[in-house]
PDB file of all heavy atoms in Angstrom:
ATOM      1  N   LYS A   1      19.890  -2.023   0.246  1.00  0.00           N
ATOM      2  CA  LYS A   1      20.096  -3.082   1.236  1.00  0.00           C
ATOM      3  C   LYS A   1      18.894  -4.012   1.296  1.00  0.00           C
ATOM      4  O   LYS A   1      17.779  -3.627   1.011  1.00  0.00           O
ATOM      5  CB  LYS A   1      20.293  -2.478   2.633  1.00  0.00           C
ATOM      6  CG  LYS A   1      21.619  -1.810   2.839  1.00  0.00           C
ATOM      7  CD  LYS A   1      21.737  -1.357   4.280  1.00  0.00           C
ATOM      8  CE  LYS A   1      23.049  -0.682   4.556  1.00  0.00           C
ATOM      9  NZ  LYS A   1      23.127  -0.266   5.974  1.00  0.00           N
ATOM     10  N   ILE A   2      19.186  -5.227   1.740  1.00  0.00           N
ATOM     11  CA  ILE A   2      18.153  -6.239   1.972  1.00  0.00           C
ATOM     12  C   ILE A   2      18.244  -6.659   3.431  1.00  0.00           C
ATOM     13  O   ILE A   2      19.347  -6.817   3.973  1.00  0.00           O
ATOM     14  CB  ILE A   2      18.383  -7.465   1.055  1.00  0.00           C
ATOM     15  CG1 ILE A   2      18.194  -7.079  -0.398  1.00  0.00           C
ATOM     16  CG2 ILE A   2      17.476  -8.627   1.442  1.00  0.00           C
ATOM     17  CD1 ILE A   2      18.605  -8.154  -1.374  1.00  0.00           C
ATOM     18  N   LEU A   3      17.102  -6.849   4.044  1.00  0.00           N
ATOM     19  CA  LEU A   3      17.051  -7.410   5.388  1.00  0.00           C
ATOM     20  C   LEU A   3      16.772  -8.898   5.281  1.00  0.00           C
ATOM     21  O   LEU A   3      15.940  -9.320   4.483  1.00  0.00           O
ATOM     22  CB  LEU A   3      15.931  -6.774   6.206  1.00  0.00           C
ATOM     23  CG  LEU A   3      16.108  -5.337   6.634  1.00  0.00           C
ATOM     24  CD1 LEU A   3      14.865  -4.854   7.378  1.00  0.00           C
ATOM     25  CD2 LEU A   3      17.335  -5.165   7.505  1.00  0.00           C
ATOM     26  N   TYR A   4      17.464  -9.673   6.077  1.00  0.00           N
ATOM     27  CA  TYR A   4      17.205 -11.105   6.156  1.00  0.00           C
ATOM     28  C   TYR A   4      16.521 -11.370   7.483  1.00  0.00           C
ATOM     29  O   TYR A   4      16.998 -10.963   8.536  1.00  0.00           O
ATOM     30  CB  TYR A   4      18.506 -11.899   6.056  1.00  0.00           C
ATOM     31  CG  TYR A   4      19.108 -11.801   4.683  1.00  0.00           C
ATOM     32  CD1 TYR A   4      20.013 -10.797   4.378  1.00  0.00           C
ATOM     33  CD2 TYR A   4      18.735 -12.686   3.679  1.00  0.00           C
ATOM     34  CE1 TYR A   4      20.542 -10.682   3.090  1.00  0.00           C
ATOM     35  CE2 TYR A   4      19.258 -12.580   2.401  1.00  0.00           C
ATOM     36  CZ  TYR A   4      20.158 -11.573   2.113  1.00  0.00           C
ATOM     37  OH  TYR A   4      20.670 -11.466   0.846  1.00  0.00           O
ATOM     38  N   ARG A   5      15.384 -12.036   7.422  1.00  0.00           N
ATOM     39  CA  ARG A   5      14.604 -12.363   8.613  1.00  0.00           C
ATOM     40  C   ARG A   5      14.491 -13.873   8.727  1.00  0.00           C
ATOM     41  O   ARG A   5      14.432 -14.584   7.728  1.00  0.00           O
ATOM     42  CB  ARG A   5      13.189 -11.771   8.517  1.00  0.00           C
ATOM     43  CG  ARG A   5      13.158 -10.271   8.406  1.00  0.00           C
ATOM     44  CD  ARG A   5      13.470  -9.625   9.719  1.00  0.00           C
ATOM     45  NE  ARG A   5      13.189  -8.197   9.616  1.00  0.00           N
ATOM     46  CZ  ARG A   5      13.687  -7.310  10.419  1.00  0.00           C
ATOM     47  NH1 ARG A   5      14.495  -7.677  11.389  1.00  0.00           N
ATOM     48  NH2 ARG A   5      13.389  -6.045  10.284  1.00  0.00           N
ATOM     49  N   ILE A   6      14.421 -14.326   9.934  1.00  0.00           N
ATOM     50  CA  ILE A   6      14.299 -15.764  10.195  1.00  0.00           C
ATOM     51  C   ILE A   6      12.817 -16.146  10.153  1.00  0.00           C
ATOM     52  O   ILE A   6      11.978 -15.408  10.633  1.00  0.00           O
ATOM     53  CB  ILE A   6      14.963 -16.124  11.550  1.00  0.00           C
ATOM     54  CG1 ILE A   6      15.147 -17.621  11.703  1.00  0.00           C
ATOM     55  CG2 ILE A   6      14.222 -15.556  12.721  1.00  0.00           C
ATOM     56  CD1 ILE A   6      16.525 -18.080  11.492  1.00  0.00           C
ATOM     57  N   SER A   7      12.534 -17.285   9.567  1.00  0.00           N
ATOM     58  CA  SER A   7      11.162 -17.792   9.494  1.00  0.00           C
ATOM     59  C   SER A   7      10.859 -18.641  10.725  1.00  0.00           C
ATOM     60  O   SER A   7      11.744 -18.940  11.533  1.00  0.00           O
ATOM     61  CB  SER A   7      10.994 -18.654   8.245  1.00  0.00           C
ATOM     62  OG  SER A   7      11.764 -19.838   8.382  1.00  0.00           O
ATOM     63  N   LYS A   8       9.619 -19.050  10.868  1.00  0.00           N
ATOM     64  CA  LYS A   8       9.245 -19.975  11.956  1.00  0.00           C
ATOM     65  C   LYS A   8      10.092 -21.243  11.850  1.00  0.00           C
ATOM     66  O   LYS A   8      10.572 -21.768  12.855  1.00  0.00           O
ATOM     67  CB  LYS A   8       7.755 -20.322  11.878  1.00  0.00           C
ATOM     68  CG  LYS A   8       7.387 -21.509  12.761  1.00  0.00           C
ATOM     69  CD  LYS A   8       6.338 -21.223  13.753  1.00  0.00           C
ATOM     70  CE  LYS A   8       5.890 -22.391  14.573  1.00  0.00           C
ATOM     71  NZ  LYS A   8       6.866 -23.231  15.187  1.00  0.00           N
ATOM     72  N   LYS A   9      10.264 -21.711  10.636  1.00  0.00           N
ATOM     73  CA  LYS A   9      11.087 -22.911  10.407  1.00  0.00           C
ATOM     74  C   LYS A   9      12.511 -22.685  10.936  1.00  0.00           C
ATOM     75  O   LYS A   9      13.108 -23.574  11.538  1.00  0.00           O
ATOM     76  CB  LYS A   9      11.096 -23.199   8.905  1.00  0.00           C
ATOM     77  CG  LYS A   9      11.762 -24.463   8.472  1.00  0.00           C
ATOM     78  CD  LYS A   9      11.582 -24.604   6.960  1.00  0.00           C
ATOM     79  CE  LYS A   9      12.164 -25.851   6.406  1.00  0.00           C
ATOM     80  NZ  LYS A   9      11.950 -25.964   4.946  1.00  0.00           N
ATOM     81  N   GLY A  10      13.038 -21.497  10.728  1.00  0.00           N
ATOM     82  CA  GLY A  10      14.369 -21.167  11.229  1.00  0.00           C
ATOM     83  C   GLY A  10      14.396 -21.019  12.738  1.00  0.00           C
ATOM     84  O   GLY A  10      15.316 -21.495  13.405  1.00  0.00           O
ATOM     85  N   ILE A  11      13.371 -20.351  13.298  1.00  0.00           N
ATOM     86  CA  ILE A  11      13.289 -20.178  14.746  1.00  0.00           C
ATOM     87  C   ILE A  11      13.268 -21.536  15.438  1.00  0.00           C
ATOM     88  O   ILE A  11      13.833 -21.697  16.527  1.00  0.00           O
ATOM     89  CB  ILE A  11      12.061 -19.325  15.123  1.00  0.00           C
ATOM     90  CG1 ILE A  11      12.254 -17.881  14.654  1.00  0.00           C
ATOM     91  CG2 ILE A  11      11.807 -19.365  16.629  1.00  0.00           C
ATOM     92  CD1 ILE A  11      11.020 -17.000  14.766  1.00  0.00           C
ATOM     93  N   ASP A  12      12.661 -22.519  14.800  1.00  0.00           N
ATOM     94  CA  ASP A  12      12.608 -23.855  15.396  1.00  0.00           C
ATOM     95  C   ASP A  12      13.980 -24.524  15.502  1.00  0.00           C
ATOM     96  O   ASP A  12      14.111 -25.569  16.144  1.00  0.00           O
ATOM     97  CB  ASP A  12      11.638 -24.749  14.616  1.00  0.00           C
ATOM     98  CG  ASP A  12      10.179 -24.419  14.904  1.00  0.00           C
ATOM     99  OD1 ASP A  12       9.903 -23.701  15.888  1.00  0.00           O
ATOM    100  OD2 ASP A  12       9.306 -24.875  14.135  1.00  0.00           O
ATOM    101  N   LEU A  13      15.008 -23.916  14.918  1.00  0.00           N
ATOM    102  CA  LEU A  13      16.380 -24.427  15.078  1.00  0.00           C
ATOM    103  C   LEU A  13      17.042 -23.897  16.350  1.00  0.00           C
ATOM    104  O   LEU A  13      18.142 -24.332  16.701  1.00  0.00           O
ATOM    105  CB  LEU A  13      17.236 -24.047  13.864  1.00  0.00           C
ATOM    106  CG  LEU A  13      16.928 -24.810  12.588  1.00  0.00           C
ATOM    107  CD1 LEU A  13      17.616 -24.152  11.389  1.00  0.00           C
ATOM    108  CD2 LEU A  13      17.376 -26.257  12.727  1.00  0.00           C
ATOM    109  N   LEU A  14      16.400 -22.986  17.059  1.00  0.00           N
ATOM    110  CA  LEU A  14      16.995 -22.411  18.263  1.00  0.00           C
ATOM    111  C   LEU A  14      17.435 -23.465  19.279  1.00  0.00           C
ATOM    112  O   LEU A  14      18.564 -23.397  19.781  1.00  0.00           O
ATOM    113  CB  LEU A  14      16.039 -21.392  18.902  1.00  0.00           C
ATOM    114  CG  LEU A  14      16.529 -20.728  20.174  1.00  0.00           C
ATOM    115  CD1 LEU A  14      17.852 -19.995  19.954  1.00  0.00           C
ATOM    116  CD2 LEU A  14      15.462 -19.778  20.701  1.00  0.00           C
ATOM    117  N   PRO A  15      16.612 -24.468  19.607  1.00  0.00           N
ATOM    118  CA  PRO A  15      17.086 -25.484  20.563  1.00  0.00           C
ATOM    119  C   PRO A  15      18.345 -26.209  20.082  1.00  0.00           C
ATOM    120  O   PRO A  15      19.195 -26.577  20.899  1.00  0.00           O
ATOM    121  CB  PRO A  15      15.902 -26.451  20.683  1.00  0.00           C
ATOM    122  CG  PRO A  15      14.711 -25.632  20.307  1.00  0.00           C
ATOM    123  CD  PRO A  15      15.201 -24.677  19.256  1.00  0.00           C
ATOM    124  N   VAL A  16      18.495 -26.383  18.781  1.00  0.00           N
ATOM    125  CA  VAL A  16      19.704 -27.021  18.232  1.00  0.00           C
ATOM    126  C   VAL A  16      20.917 -26.147  18.532  1.00  0.00           C
ATOM    127  O   VAL A  16      21.961 -26.645  18.985  1.00  0.00           O
ATOM    128  CB  VAL A  16      19.557 -27.256  16.707  1.00  0.00           C
ATOM    129  CG1 VAL A  16      20.847 -27.776  16.103  1.00  0.00           C
ATOM    130  CG2 VAL A  16      18.393 -28.186  16.410  1.00  0.00           C
ATOM    131  N   LEU A  17      20.794 -24.842  18.298  1.00  0.00           N
ATOM    132  CA  LEU A  17      21.906 -23.930  18.577  1.00  0.00           C
ATOM    133  C   LEU A  17      22.264 -23.945  20.069  1.00  0.00           C
ATOM    134  O   LEU A  17      23.442 -23.975  20.426  1.00  0.00           O
ATOM    135  CB  LEU A  17      21.545 -22.505  18.168  1.00  0.00           C
ATOM    136  CG  LEU A  17      21.562 -22.190  16.686  1.00  0.00           C
ATOM    137  CD1 LEU A  17      21.159 -20.743  16.456  1.00  0.00           C
ATOM    138  CD2 LEU A  17      22.930 -22.447  16.088  1.00  0.00           C
ATOM    139  N   LEU A  18      21.247 -23.926  20.911  1.00  0.00           N
ATOM    140  CA  LEU A  18      21.520 -23.927  22.345  1.00  0.00           C
ATOM    141  C   LEU A  18      22.204 -25.217  22.780  1.00  0.00           C
ATOM    142  O   LEU A  18      23.123 -25.189  23.618  1.00  0.00           O
ATOM    143  CB  LEU A  18      20.231 -23.700  23.128  1.00  0.00           C
ATOM    144  CG  LEU A  18      19.536 -22.345  22.905  1.00  0.00           C
ATOM    145  CD1 LEU A  18      18.293 -22.239  23.772  1.00  0.00           C
ATOM    146  CD2 LEU A  18      20.476 -21.175  23.122  1.00  0.00           C
ATOM    147  N   GLU A  19      21.797 -26.337  22.221  1.00  0.00           N
ATOM    148  CA  GLU A  19      22.459 -27.612  22.550  1.00  0.00           C
ATOM    149  C   GLU A  19      23.909 -27.625  22.071  1.00  0.00           C
ATOM    150  O   GLU A  19      24.781 -28.175  22.760  1.00  0.00           O
ATOM    151  CB  GLU A  19      21.686 -28.797  21.971  1.00  0.00           C
ATOM    152  CG  GLU A  19      20.383 -29.078  22.687  1.00  0.00           C
ATOM    153  CD  GLU A  19      20.550 -29.413  24.166  1.00  0.00           C
ATOM    154  OE1 GLU A  19      21.574 -30.007  24.570  1.00  0.00           O
ATOM    155  OE2 GLU A  19      19.625 -29.077  24.937  1.00  0.00           O
ATOM    156  N   LEU A  20      24.188 -27.018  20.928  1.00  0.00           N
ATOM    157  CA  LEU A  20      25.581 -26.923  20.460  1.00  0.00           C
ATOM    158  C   LEU A  20      26.411 -26.065  21.406  1.00  0.00           C
ATOM    159  O   LEU A  20      27.576 -26.375  21.678  1.00  0.00           O
ATOM    160  CB  LEU A  20      25.638 -26.354  19.042  1.00  0.00           C
ATOM    161  CG  LEU A  20      25.257 -27.315  17.933  1.00  0.00           C
ATOM    162  CD1 LEU A  20      25.133 -26.578  16.607  1.00  0.00           C
ATOM    163  CD2 LEU A  20      26.276 -28.439  17.817  1.00  0.00           C
ATOM    164  N   ILE A  21      25.813 -24.997  21.922  1.00  0.00           N
ATOM    165  CA  ILE A  21      26.510 -24.158  22.898  1.00  0.00           C
ATOM    166  C   ILE A  21      26.814 -24.959  24.160  1.00  0.00           C
ATOM    167  O   ILE A  21      27.937 -24.918  24.685  1.00  0.00           O
ATOM    168  CB  ILE A  21      25.682 -22.898  23.215  1.00  0.00           C
ATOM    169  CG1 ILE A  21      25.648 -21.972  21.990  1.00  0.00           C
ATOM    170  CG2 ILE A  21      26.239 -22.163  24.443  1.00  0.00           C
ATOM    171  CD1 ILE A  21      24.608 -20.870  22.067  1.00  0.00           C
ATOM    172  N   LEU A  22      25.840 -25.719  24.643  1.00  0.00           N
ATOM    173  CA  LEU A  22      26.058 -26.532  25.846  1.00  0.00           C
ATOM    174  C   LEU A  22      27.115 -27.602  25.618  1.00  0.00           C
ATOM    175  O   LEU A  22      27.966 -27.850  26.485  1.00  0.00           O
ATOM    176  CB  LEU A  22      24.737 -27.162  26.302  1.00  0.00           C
ATOM    177  CG  LEU A  22      23.685 -26.180  26.810  1.00  0.00           C
ATOM    178  CD1 LEU A  22      22.383 -26.909  27.106  1.00  0.00           C
ATOM    179  CD2 LEU A  22      24.189 -25.411  28.024  1.00  0.00           C
ATOM    180  N   TRP A  23      27.081 -28.245  24.458  1.00  0.00           N
ATOM    181  CA  TRP A  23      28.078 -29.269  24.133  1.00  0.00           C
ATOM    182  C   TRP A  23      29.468 -28.640  24.081  1.00  0.00           C
ATOM    183  O   TRP A  23      30.429 -29.184  24.637  1.00  0.00           O
ATOM    184  CB  TRP A  23      27.711 -29.941  22.815  1.00  0.00           C
ATOM    185  CG  TRP A  23      28.619 -31.064  22.450  1.00  0.00           C
ATOM    186  CD1 TRP A  23      28.507 -32.369  22.807  1.00  0.00           C
ATOM    187  CD2 TRP A  23      29.810 -30.979  21.644  1.00  0.00           C
ATOM    188  NE1 TRP A  23      29.540 -33.099  22.279  1.00  0.00           N
ATOM    189  CE2 TRP A  23      30.357 -32.275  21.564  1.00  0.00           C
ATOM    190  CE3 TRP A  23      30.451 -29.938  20.994  1.00  0.00           C
ATOM    191  CZ2 TRP A  23      31.513 -32.543  20.851  1.00  0.00           C
ATOM    192  CZ3 TRP A  23      31.613 -30.207  20.286  1.00  0.00           C
ATOM    193  CH2 TRP A  23      32.131 -31.507  20.228  1.00  0.00           C
ATOM    194  N   SER A  24      29.561 -27.474  23.431  1.00  0.00           N
ATOM    195  CA  SER A  24      30.861 -26.790  23.337  1.00  0.00           C
ATOM    196  C   SER A  24      31.372 -26.380  24.703  1.00  0.00           C
ATOM    197  O   SER A  24      32.567 -26.480  24.985  1.00  0.00           O
ATOM    198  CB  SER A  24      30.745 -25.560  22.428  1.00  0.00           C
ATOM    199  OG  SER A  24      30.472 -25.949  21.107  1.00  0.00           O
ATOM    200  N   ASP A  25      30.472 -25.914  25.568  1.00  0.00           N
ATOM    201  CA  ASP A  25      30.862 -25.536  26.921  1.00  0.00           C
ATOM    202  C   ASP A  25      31.436 -26.733  27.672  1.00  0.00           C
ATOM    203  O   ASP A  25      32.391 -26.598  28.441  1.00  0.00           O
ATOM    204  CB  ASP A  25      29.651 -24.958  27.666  1.00  0.00           C
ATOM    205  CG  ASP A  25      29.993 -24.538  29.077  1.00  0.00           C
ATOM    206  OD1 ASP A  25      31.028 -23.864  29.279  1.00  0.00           O
ATOM    207  OD2 ASP A  25      29.230 -24.892  29.988  1.00  0.00           O
ATOM    208  N   LYS A  26      30.873 -27.894  27.437  1.00  0.00           N
ATOM    209  CA  LYS A  26      31.322 -29.099  28.139  1.00  0.00           C
ATOM    210  C   LYS A  26      32.665 -29.622  27.616  1.00  0.00           C
ATOM    211  O   LYS A  26      33.499 -30.101  28.397  1.00  0.00           O
ATOM    212  CB  LYS A  26      30.250 -30.182  28.002  1.00  0.00           C
ATOM    213  CG  LYS A  26      30.526 -31.435  28.796  1.00  0.00           C
ATOM    214  CD  LYS A  26      29.348 -32.386  28.732  1.00  0.00           C
ATOM    215  CE  LYS A  26      29.592 -33.634  29.550  1.00  0.00           C
ATOM    216  NZ  LYS A  26      28.426 -34.540  29.517  1.00  0.00           N
ATOM    217  N   TYR A  27      32.887 -29.513  26.308  1.00  0.00           N
ATOM    218  CA  TYR A  27      34.031 -30.204  25.709  1.00  0.00           C
ATOM    219  C   TYR A  27      35.084 -29.323  25.043  1.00  0.00           C
ATOM    220  O   TYR A  27      36.152 -29.837  24.698  1.00  0.00           O
ATOM    221  CB  TYR A  27      33.537 -31.207  24.658  1.00  0.00           C
ATOM    222  CG  TYR A  27      32.736 -32.329  25.260  1.00  0.00           C
ATOM    223  CD1 TYR A  27      31.359 -32.396  25.080  1.00  0.00           C
ATOM    224  CD2 TYR A  27      33.343 -33.317  26.026  1.00  0.00           C
ATOM    225  CE1 TYR A  27      30.615 -33.425  25.636  1.00  0.00           C
ATOM    226  CE2 TYR A  27      32.611 -34.339  26.589  1.00  0.00           C
ATOM    227  CZ  TYR A  27      31.248 -34.388  26.391  1.00  0.00           C
ATOM    228  OH  TYR A  27      30.507 -35.408  26.947  1.00  0.00           O
ATOM    229  N   LEU A  28      34.821 -28.050  24.842  1.00  0.00           N
ATOM    230  CA  LEU A  28      35.726 -27.210  24.057  1.00  0.00           C
ATOM    231  C   LEU A  28      36.109 -25.946  24.813  1.00  0.00           C
ATOM    232  O   LEU A  28      35.351 -25.479  25.665  1.00  0.00           O
ATOM    233  CB  LEU A  28      35.060 -26.811  22.733  1.00  0.00           C
ATOM    234  CG  LEU A  28      34.602 -27.956  21.834  1.00  0.00           C
ATOM    235  CD1 LEU A  28      33.790 -27.404  20.663  1.00  0.00           C
ATOM    236  CD2 LEU A  28      35.777 -28.774  21.339  1.00  0.00           C
ATOM    237  N   PRO A  29      37.265 -25.381  24.479  1.00  0.00           N
ATOM    238  CA  PRO A  29      37.590 -24.072  25.057  1.00  0.00           C
ATOM    239  C   PRO A  29      36.742 -23.005  24.354  1.00  0.00           C
ATOM    240  O   PRO A  29      36.758 -22.901  23.128  1.00  0.00           O
ATOM    241  CB  PRO A  29      39.078 -23.896  24.749  1.00  0.00           C
ATOM    242  CG  PRO A  29      39.358 -24.808  23.602  1.00  0.00           C
ATOM    243  CD  PRO A  29      38.350 -25.917  23.661  1.00  0.00           C
ATOM    244  N   ILE A  30      35.973 -22.239  25.125  1.00  0.00           N
ATOM    245  CA  ILE A  30      35.131 -21.183  24.560  1.00  0.00           C
ATOM    246  C   ILE A  30      35.320 -19.910  25.381  1.00  0.00           C
ATOM    247  O   ILE A  30      35.915 -19.948  26.455  1.00  0.00           O
ATOM    248  CB  ILE A  30      33.635 -21.582  24.500  1.00  0.00           C
ATOM    249  CG1 ILE A  30      33.087 -21.902  25.886  1.00  0.00           C
ATOM    250  CG2 ILE A  30      33.439 -22.770  23.553  1.00  0.00           C
ATOM    251  CD1 ILE A  30      31.592 -22.176  25.925  1.00  0.00           C
ATOM    252  N   SER A  31      34.812 -18.808  24.887  1.00  0.00           N
ATOM    253  CA  SER A  31      34.986 -17.519  25.564  1.00  0.00           C
ATOM    254  C   SER A  31      34.247 -17.491  26.901  1.00  0.00           C
ATOM    255  O   SER A  31      33.296 -18.251  27.122  1.00  0.00           O
ATOM    256  CB  SER A  31      34.464 -16.389  24.664  1.00  0.00           C
ATOM    257  OG  SER A  31      33.049 -16.438  24.600  1.00  0.00           O
ATOM    258  N   ALA A  32      34.673 -16.586  27.751  1.00  0.00           N
ATOM    259  CA  ALA A  32      34.016 -16.412  29.043  1.00  0.00           C
ATOM    260  C   ALA A  32      32.553 -16.004  28.853  1.00  0.00           C
ATOM    261  O   ALA A  32      31.673 -16.454  29.592  1.00  0.00           O
ATOM    262  CB  ALA A  32      34.765 -15.373  29.871  1.00  0.00           C
ATOM    263  N   GLN A  33      32.297 -15.183  27.871  1.00  0.00           N
ATOM    264  CA  GLN A  33      30.922 -14.749  27.586  1.00  0.00           C
ATOM    265  C   GLN A  33      30.058 -15.946  27.167  1.00  0.00           C
ATOM    266  O   GLN A  33      28.918 -16.088  27.619  1.00  0.00           O
ATOM    267  CB  GLN A  33      30.928 -13.690  26.479  1.00  0.00           C
ATOM    268  CG  GLN A  33      29.560 -13.153  26.146  1.00  0.00           C
ATOM    269  CD  GLN A  33      29.615 -12.133  25.018  1.00  0.00           C
ATOM    270  OE1 GLN A  33      30.652 -11.869  24.426  1.00  0.00           O
ATOM    271  NE2 GLN A  33      28.466 -11.553  24.727  1.00  0.00           N
TER     272      GLN A  33
END
C-alpha cells in the first residue's frame, strides 16, 4: 500500500473547498450533514 498525504500547497486549497460547500449550501440540494 501507498499513503497519500496532502502538501502545504494542497492544504492551502482548504478555503476553496469550504467556499464551494457554502456556495452549494446556498444554491443546491445537499445532505443534512
